[in-house]
């Protein structure tokens, strides 16, 4: 049943993410039910699968994200560099999205679905007009613990919009951050649009390299903390996670962390 539910939700989010609209929800709310229950009734229809969706629905606090330092301080205009583009994307009211890692209830694994009841704009990176990464509630929530635990001399694998480096570089106990990024166009966009907005950009050093080349030719013991985020989701992340985890055996003194590991582990 876990697999059936996940498959149906995945198809819905990928193919019809804007199907549930504010007008539909408002019509159902006239019956006096809660927002979660209104969305549950609509999901019953769209997914054709009876389930208590209220268990996995979470109304997100929009102010939590609007007050986030990255959202408050980092701004950019829509910019393109060859196949890559930095721009802003929007969630419509009641548009569903994955807002955190999987969670467990009585040995059953569920996705964490969030929604806002107002429009919400977020920074994003597109490659060939396909969304590659974005600073959504999912990224904020799934990185929060690892950002809080980061310290010392850090290596970040994967640049994107620089959310993890930005939030970590604000910490007093973070001394330096090396960032590995394989794509020169991403580096160019980041340096031109975002890097100058870092409060302590002297902590930041960007290295144009493939992660496997860098890991094979450098002594990683100079780092205290390594954070890896080079995948789009679990489907392409699993193979990288398993391959990169082998380096932990050689560097037992270094703390390795991986984006969405708490979800990857359930697939493992």
Protein backbone atom coordinates (compact mmCIF):
# COMPACT_ATOMS: atom_id res chain seq x y z
CA UNK A 1 0.00 0.00 0.00
CA UNK A 2 2.93 2.35 0.63
CA UNK A 3 4.07 1.86 -2.95
CA UNK A 4 0.61 2.40 -4.44
CA UNK A 5 0.12 5.60 -2.45
CA UNK A 6 3.58 6.93 -3.34
CA UNK A 7 3.12 6.12 -7.02
CA UNK A 8 -0.23 7.90 -7.20
CA UNK A 9 1.02 10.96 -5.33
CA UNK A 10 4.18 11.08 -7.45
CA UNK A 11 2.16 10.99 -10.68
CA UNK A 12 -0.17 13.69 -9.36
CA UNK A 13 2.66 16.03 -8.30
CA UNK A 14 4.60 15.51 -11.54
CA UNK A 15 1.70 15.63 -14.01
CA UNK A 16 -1.06 17.68 -12.36
CA UNK A 17 0.43 19.73 -9.50
CA UNK A 18 -1.95 22.68 -10.01
CA UNK A 19 -5.14 20.62 -10.30
CA UNK A 20 -6.42 21.61 -6.86
CA UNK A 21 -7.32 25.30 -7.04
CA UNK A 22 -8.36 27.94 -4.55
CA UNK A 23 -11.84 28.06 -6.13
CA UNK A 24 -12.32 24.32 -5.65
CA UNK A 25 -11.15 24.42 -2.05
CA UNK A 26 -13.33 27.44 -1.23
CA UNK A 27 -16.40 25.64 -2.59
CA UNK A 28 -15.72 22.62 -0.37
CA UNK A 29 -14.96 24.85 2.65
CA UNK A 30 -18.52 26.17 2.49
CA UNK A 31 -19.59 22.85 4.01
CA UNK A 32 -17.78 23.87 7.19
CA UNK A 33 -14.87 21.41 6.99
CA UNK A 34 -11.17 22.19 7.56
CA UNK A 35 -8.71 23.04 4.78
CA UNK A 36 -6.95 19.69 5.23
CA UNK A 37 -10.22 17.81 4.92
CA UNK A 38 -11.26 19.81 1.84
CA UNK A 39 -7.97 18.87 0.14
CA UNK A 40 -8.43 15.25 1.26
CA UNK A 41 -11.83 15.10 -0.49
CA UNK A 42 -10.35 16.55 -3.67
CA UNK A 43 -7.42 14.11 -3.57
CA UNK A 44 -9.91 11.25 -3.21
CA UNK A 45 -11.32 12.32 -6.55
CA UNK A 46 -8.09 13.12 -8.38
CA UNK A 47 -6.11 10.08 -7.21
CA UNK A 48 -9.06 7.64 -7.17
CA UNK A 49 -7.56 6.09 -4.06
CA UNK A 50 -9.24 6.14 -0.67
CA UNK A 51 -6.82 7.17 2.07
CA UNK A 52 -6.82 9.46 5.08
CA UNK A 53 -4.76 12.16 3.39
CA UNK A 54 -5.15 14.42 6.40
CA UNK A 55 -2.37 12.31 8.01
CA UNK A 56 0.15 13.48 5.45
CA UNK A 57 -1.08 17.04 4.76
CA UNK A 58 0.64 19.98 6.47
CA UNK A 59 -0.37 23.61 6.09
CA UNK A 60 2.92 25.48 5.87
CA UNK A 61 3.52 28.70 7.79
CA UNK A 62 4.41 31.16 5.03
CA UNK A 63 6.05 33.53 7.52
CA UNK A 64 8.60 30.87 8.49
CA UNK A 65 10.04 31.05 5.00
CA UNK A 66 9.60 34.76 4.36
CA UNK A 67 11.62 35.38 7.55
CA UNK A 68 14.35 32.92 6.55
CA UNK A 69 17.67 34.83 6.13
CA UNK A 70 18.19 33.55 2.57
CA UNK A 71 14.70 34.64 1.45
CA UNK A 72 15.12 38.00 3.15
CA UNK A 73 18.63 38.85 1.98
CA UNK A 74 19.29 37.13 -1.36
CA UNK A 75 17.63 38.66 -4.43
CA UNK A 76 18.33 38.31 -8.13
CA UNK A 77 16.85 39.11 -11.53
CA UNK A 78 15.95 36.42 -14.04
CA UNK A 79 19.23 35.52 -15.75
CA UNK A 80 20.26 32.90 -18.30
CA UNK A 81 23.67 31.47 -19.13
CA UNK A 82 23.49 29.02 -22.04
CA UNK A 83 21.25 26.13 -20.90
CA UNK A 84 20.94 27.35 -17.28
CA UNK A 85 18.60 29.96 -15.88
CA UNK A 86 18.06 31.55 -12.46
CA UNK A 87 14.49 32.73 -11.95
CA UNK A 88 11.58 32.77 -9.52
CA UNK A 89 8.82 30.16 -9.58
CA UNK A 90 5.48 30.20 -7.74
CA UNK A 91 3.27 27.86 -5.77
CA UNK A 92 -0.40 28.69 -6.20
CA UNK A 93 -2.72 28.60 -3.16
CA UNK A 94 -3.41 24.94 -2.22
CA UNK A 95 -0.91 23.60 -4.74
CA UNK A 96 0.60 20.51 -3.10
CA UNK A 97 4.33 19.86 -2.86
CA UNK A 98 6.68 17.57 -0.95
CA UNK A 99 7.71 19.72 2.01
CA UNK A 100 10.01 17.46 4.03
CA UNK A 101 11.54 13.98 4.26
CA UNK A 102 9.43 10.85 4.57
CA UNK A 103 8.15 10.08 8.04
CA UNK A 104 7.07 6.91 9.80
CA UNK A 105 3.81 6.08 11.60
CA UNK A 106 3.55 2.58 13.08
CA UNK A 107 6.10 1.10 10.66
CA UNK A 108 4.40 2.67 7.65
CA UNK A 109 6.26 5.27 5.58
CA UNK A 110 4.50 8.38 4.29
CA UNK A 111 5.38 11.43 2.19
CA UNK A 112 5.21 14.84 3.83
CA UNK A 113 2.86 17.00 1.70
CA UNK A 114 2.68 20.73 2.27
CA UNK A 115 0.60 23.59 0.95
CA UNK A 116 0.09 27.33 1.40
CA UNK A 117 -3.24 29.09 1.29
CA UNK A 118 -1.56 32.09 -0.36
CA UNK A 119 0.72 32.39 -3.41
CA UNK A 120 4.37 31.73 -2.58
CA UNK A 121 7.34 32.72 -4.76
CA UNK A 122 10.68 30.90 -4.50
CA UNK A 123 14.12 31.04 -6.18
CA UNK A 124 14.83 28.28 -8.67
CA UNK A 125 17.37 26.96 -11.18
CA UNK A 126 16.30 25.57 -14.56
CA UNK A 127 18.33 23.61 -17.07
CA UNK A 128 16.90 23.57 -20.59
CA UNK A 129 13.63 24.85 -19.04
CA UNK A 130 13.43 21.87 -16.65
CA UNK A 131 13.40 22.67 -12.95
CA UNK A 132 16.65 21.35 -11.50
CA UNK A 133 16.69 22.76 -7.98
CA UNK A 134 14.88 25.40 -5.94
CA UNK A 135 14.78 26.98 -2.50
CA UNK A 136 11.38 25.63 -1.51
CA UNK A 137 10.11 24.55 1.92
CA UNK A 138 11.42 21.08 1.06
CA UNK A 139 15.00 22.31 0.68
CA UNK A 140 14.73 24.50 3.79
CA UNK A 141 13.31 21.72 5.96
CA UNK A 142 15.49 18.87 4.69
CA UNK A 143 18.70 20.92 5.12
CA UNK A 144 17.86 22.50 8.47
CA UNK A 145 19.41 19.85 10.74
CA UNK A 146 22.59 19.57 8.65
CA UNK A 147 23.00 23.36 8.58
CA UNK A 148 22.58 23.50 12.35
CA UNK A 149 25.24 20.79 12.78
CA UNK A 150 27.76 22.26 10.31
CA UNK A 151 31.02 23.59 11.73
CA UNK A 152 34.68 24.32 11.09
CA UNK A 153 36.10 23.93 7.59
CA UNK A 154 33.33 22.73 5.31
CA UNK A 155 33.22 21.19 1.85
CA UNK A 156 29.89 21.54 0.00
CA UNK A 157 29.41 19.39 -3.10
CA UNK A 158 26.95 21.05 -5.49
CA UNK A 159 26.41 24.80 -5.75
CA UNK A 160 22.96 25.53 -7.15
CA UNK A 161 21.68 28.76 -5.60
CA UNK A 162 24.03 28.43 -2.64
CA UNK A 163 21.41 27.93 0.08
CA UNK A 164 23.44 25.55 2.25
CA UNK A 165 26.66 27.62 2.00
CA UNK A 166 24.79 30.85 2.72
CA UNK A 167 23.02 29.58 5.83
CA UNK A 168 26.16 27.86 7.11
CA UNK A 169 28.50 30.80 6.47
CA UNK A 170 26.43 32.93 8.88
CA UNK A 171 27.48 30.70 11.79
CA UNK A 172 30.37 31.86 13.97
CA UNK A 173 31.78 28.33 14.26
CA UNK A 174 32.03 27.94 10.47
CA UNK A 175 35.51 29.04 9.38
CA UNK A 176 35.57 28.36 5.64
CA UNK A 177 33.45 26.78 2.91
CA UNK A 178 34.85 25.19 -0.25
CA UNK A 179 32.17 24.49 -2.86
CA UNK A 180 32.65 21.97 -5.68
CA UNK A 181 30.60 22.63 -8.80
CA UNK A 182 31.11 20.87 -12.13
CA UNK A 183 29.25 23.34 -14.34
CA UNK A 184 31.01 26.61 -15.24
CA UNK A 185 27.75 28.31 -16.24
CA UNK A 186 26.23 27.74 -12.80
CA UNK A 187 29.38 29.17 -11.22
CA UNK A 188 29.20 32.22 -13.49
CA UNK A 189 25.53 32.86 -12.69
CA UNK A 190 26.15 32.44 -8.98
CA UNK A 191 29.15 34.76 -8.90
CA UNK A 192 27.40 37.43 -10.97
CA UNK A 193 24.02 37.32 -9.24
CA UNK A 194 24.37 35.99 -5.70
CA UNK A 195 27.87 35.79 -4.20
CA UNK A 196 28.24 39.54 -3.54
CA UNK A 197 25.17 39.33 -1.30
CA UNK A 198 26.93 36.95 1.13
CA UNK A 199 27.74 38.82 4.34
CA UNK A 200 31.07 37.00 4.80
CA UNK A 201 31.99 36.02 1.27
CA UNK A 202 35.67 35.76 2.24
CA UNK A 203 34.68 32.38 3.76
CA UNK A 204 33.57 31.12 0.33
CA UNK A 205 35.81 29.41 -2.24
CA UNK A 206 34.28 27.86 -5.39
CA UNK A 207 36.11 25.03 -7.16
CA UNK A 208 35.20 23.95 -10.70
CA UNK A 209 35.57 20.17 -10.55
CA UNK A 210 33.83 16.84 -10.78
CA UNK A 211 33.21 15.48 -7.28
CA UNK A 212 34.77 12.09 -7.99
CA UNK A 213 37.89 13.65 -9.50
CA UNK A 214 38.20 15.97 -6.52
CA UNK A 215 37.66 13.24 -3.94
CA UNK A 216 40.21 10.99 -5.65
CA UNK A 217 42.95 13.61 -5.94
CA UNK A 218 42.60 15.59 -2.69
CA UNK A 219 43.13 14.90 1.00
CA UNK A 220 39.66 15.38 2.50
CA UNK A 221 40.97 15.22 6.06
CA UNK A 222 41.46 19.00 5.93
CA UNK A 223 37.69 19.33 6.22
CA UNK A 224 35.61 18.92 9.36
CA UNK A 225 32.25 18.62 7.61
CA UNK A 226 31.26 17.53 4.09
CA UNK A 227 27.77 18.13 2.74
CA UNK A 228 26.77 16.51 -0.56
CA UNK A 229 23.84 17.63 -2.71
CA UNK A 230 24.29 16.75 -6.40
CA UNK A 231 21.04 14.88 -7.11
CA UNK A 232 17.57 15.90 -8.16
CA UNK A 233 15.76 13.36 -5.98
CA UNK A 234 16.07 9.80 -4.68
CA UNK A 235 15.87 8.26 -8.16
CA UNK A 236 19.23 9.68 -9.23
CA UNK A 237 20.60 10.19 -5.71
CA UNK A 238 20.80 6.58 -4.57
CA UNK A 239 23.70 5.59 -6.83
CA UNK A 240 25.72 8.68 -5.90
CA UNK A 241 25.04 8.21 -2.20
CA UNK A 242 26.24 4.59 -2.24
CA UNK A 243 29.37 5.48 -4.23
CA UNK A 244 30.31 8.57 -2.21
CA UNK A 245 29.67 6.87 1.12
CA UNK A 246 32.70 4.65 0.45
CA UNK A 247 34.96 7.66 1.12
CA UNK A 248 33.74 7.79 4.72
CA UNK A 249 35.79 4.67 5.46
CA UNK A 250 39.01 6.54 4.64
CA UNK A 251 38.11 9.73 6.52
CA UNK A 252 36.62 8.63 9.82
CA UNK A 253 37.47 12.02 11.36
CA UNK A 254 35.27 13.92 8.86
CA UNK A 255 31.52 14.27 9.27
CA UNK A 256 29.76 13.36 6.00
CA UNK A 257 26.14 14.37 5.41
CA UNK A 258 23.90 13.83 2.36
CA UNK A 259 20.87 15.78 1.21
CA UNK A 260 17.54 13.91 1.80
CA UNK A 261 19.35 10.98 3.41
CA UNK A 262 16.36 10.48 5.72
CA UNK A 263 14.29 9.68 2.63
CA UNK A 264 17.02 7.74 0.80
CA UNK A 265 17.40 5.35 3.75
CA UNK A 266 13.81 4.13 3.38
CA UNK A 267 14.45 3.16 -0.23
CA UNK A 268 17.66 1.43 0.86
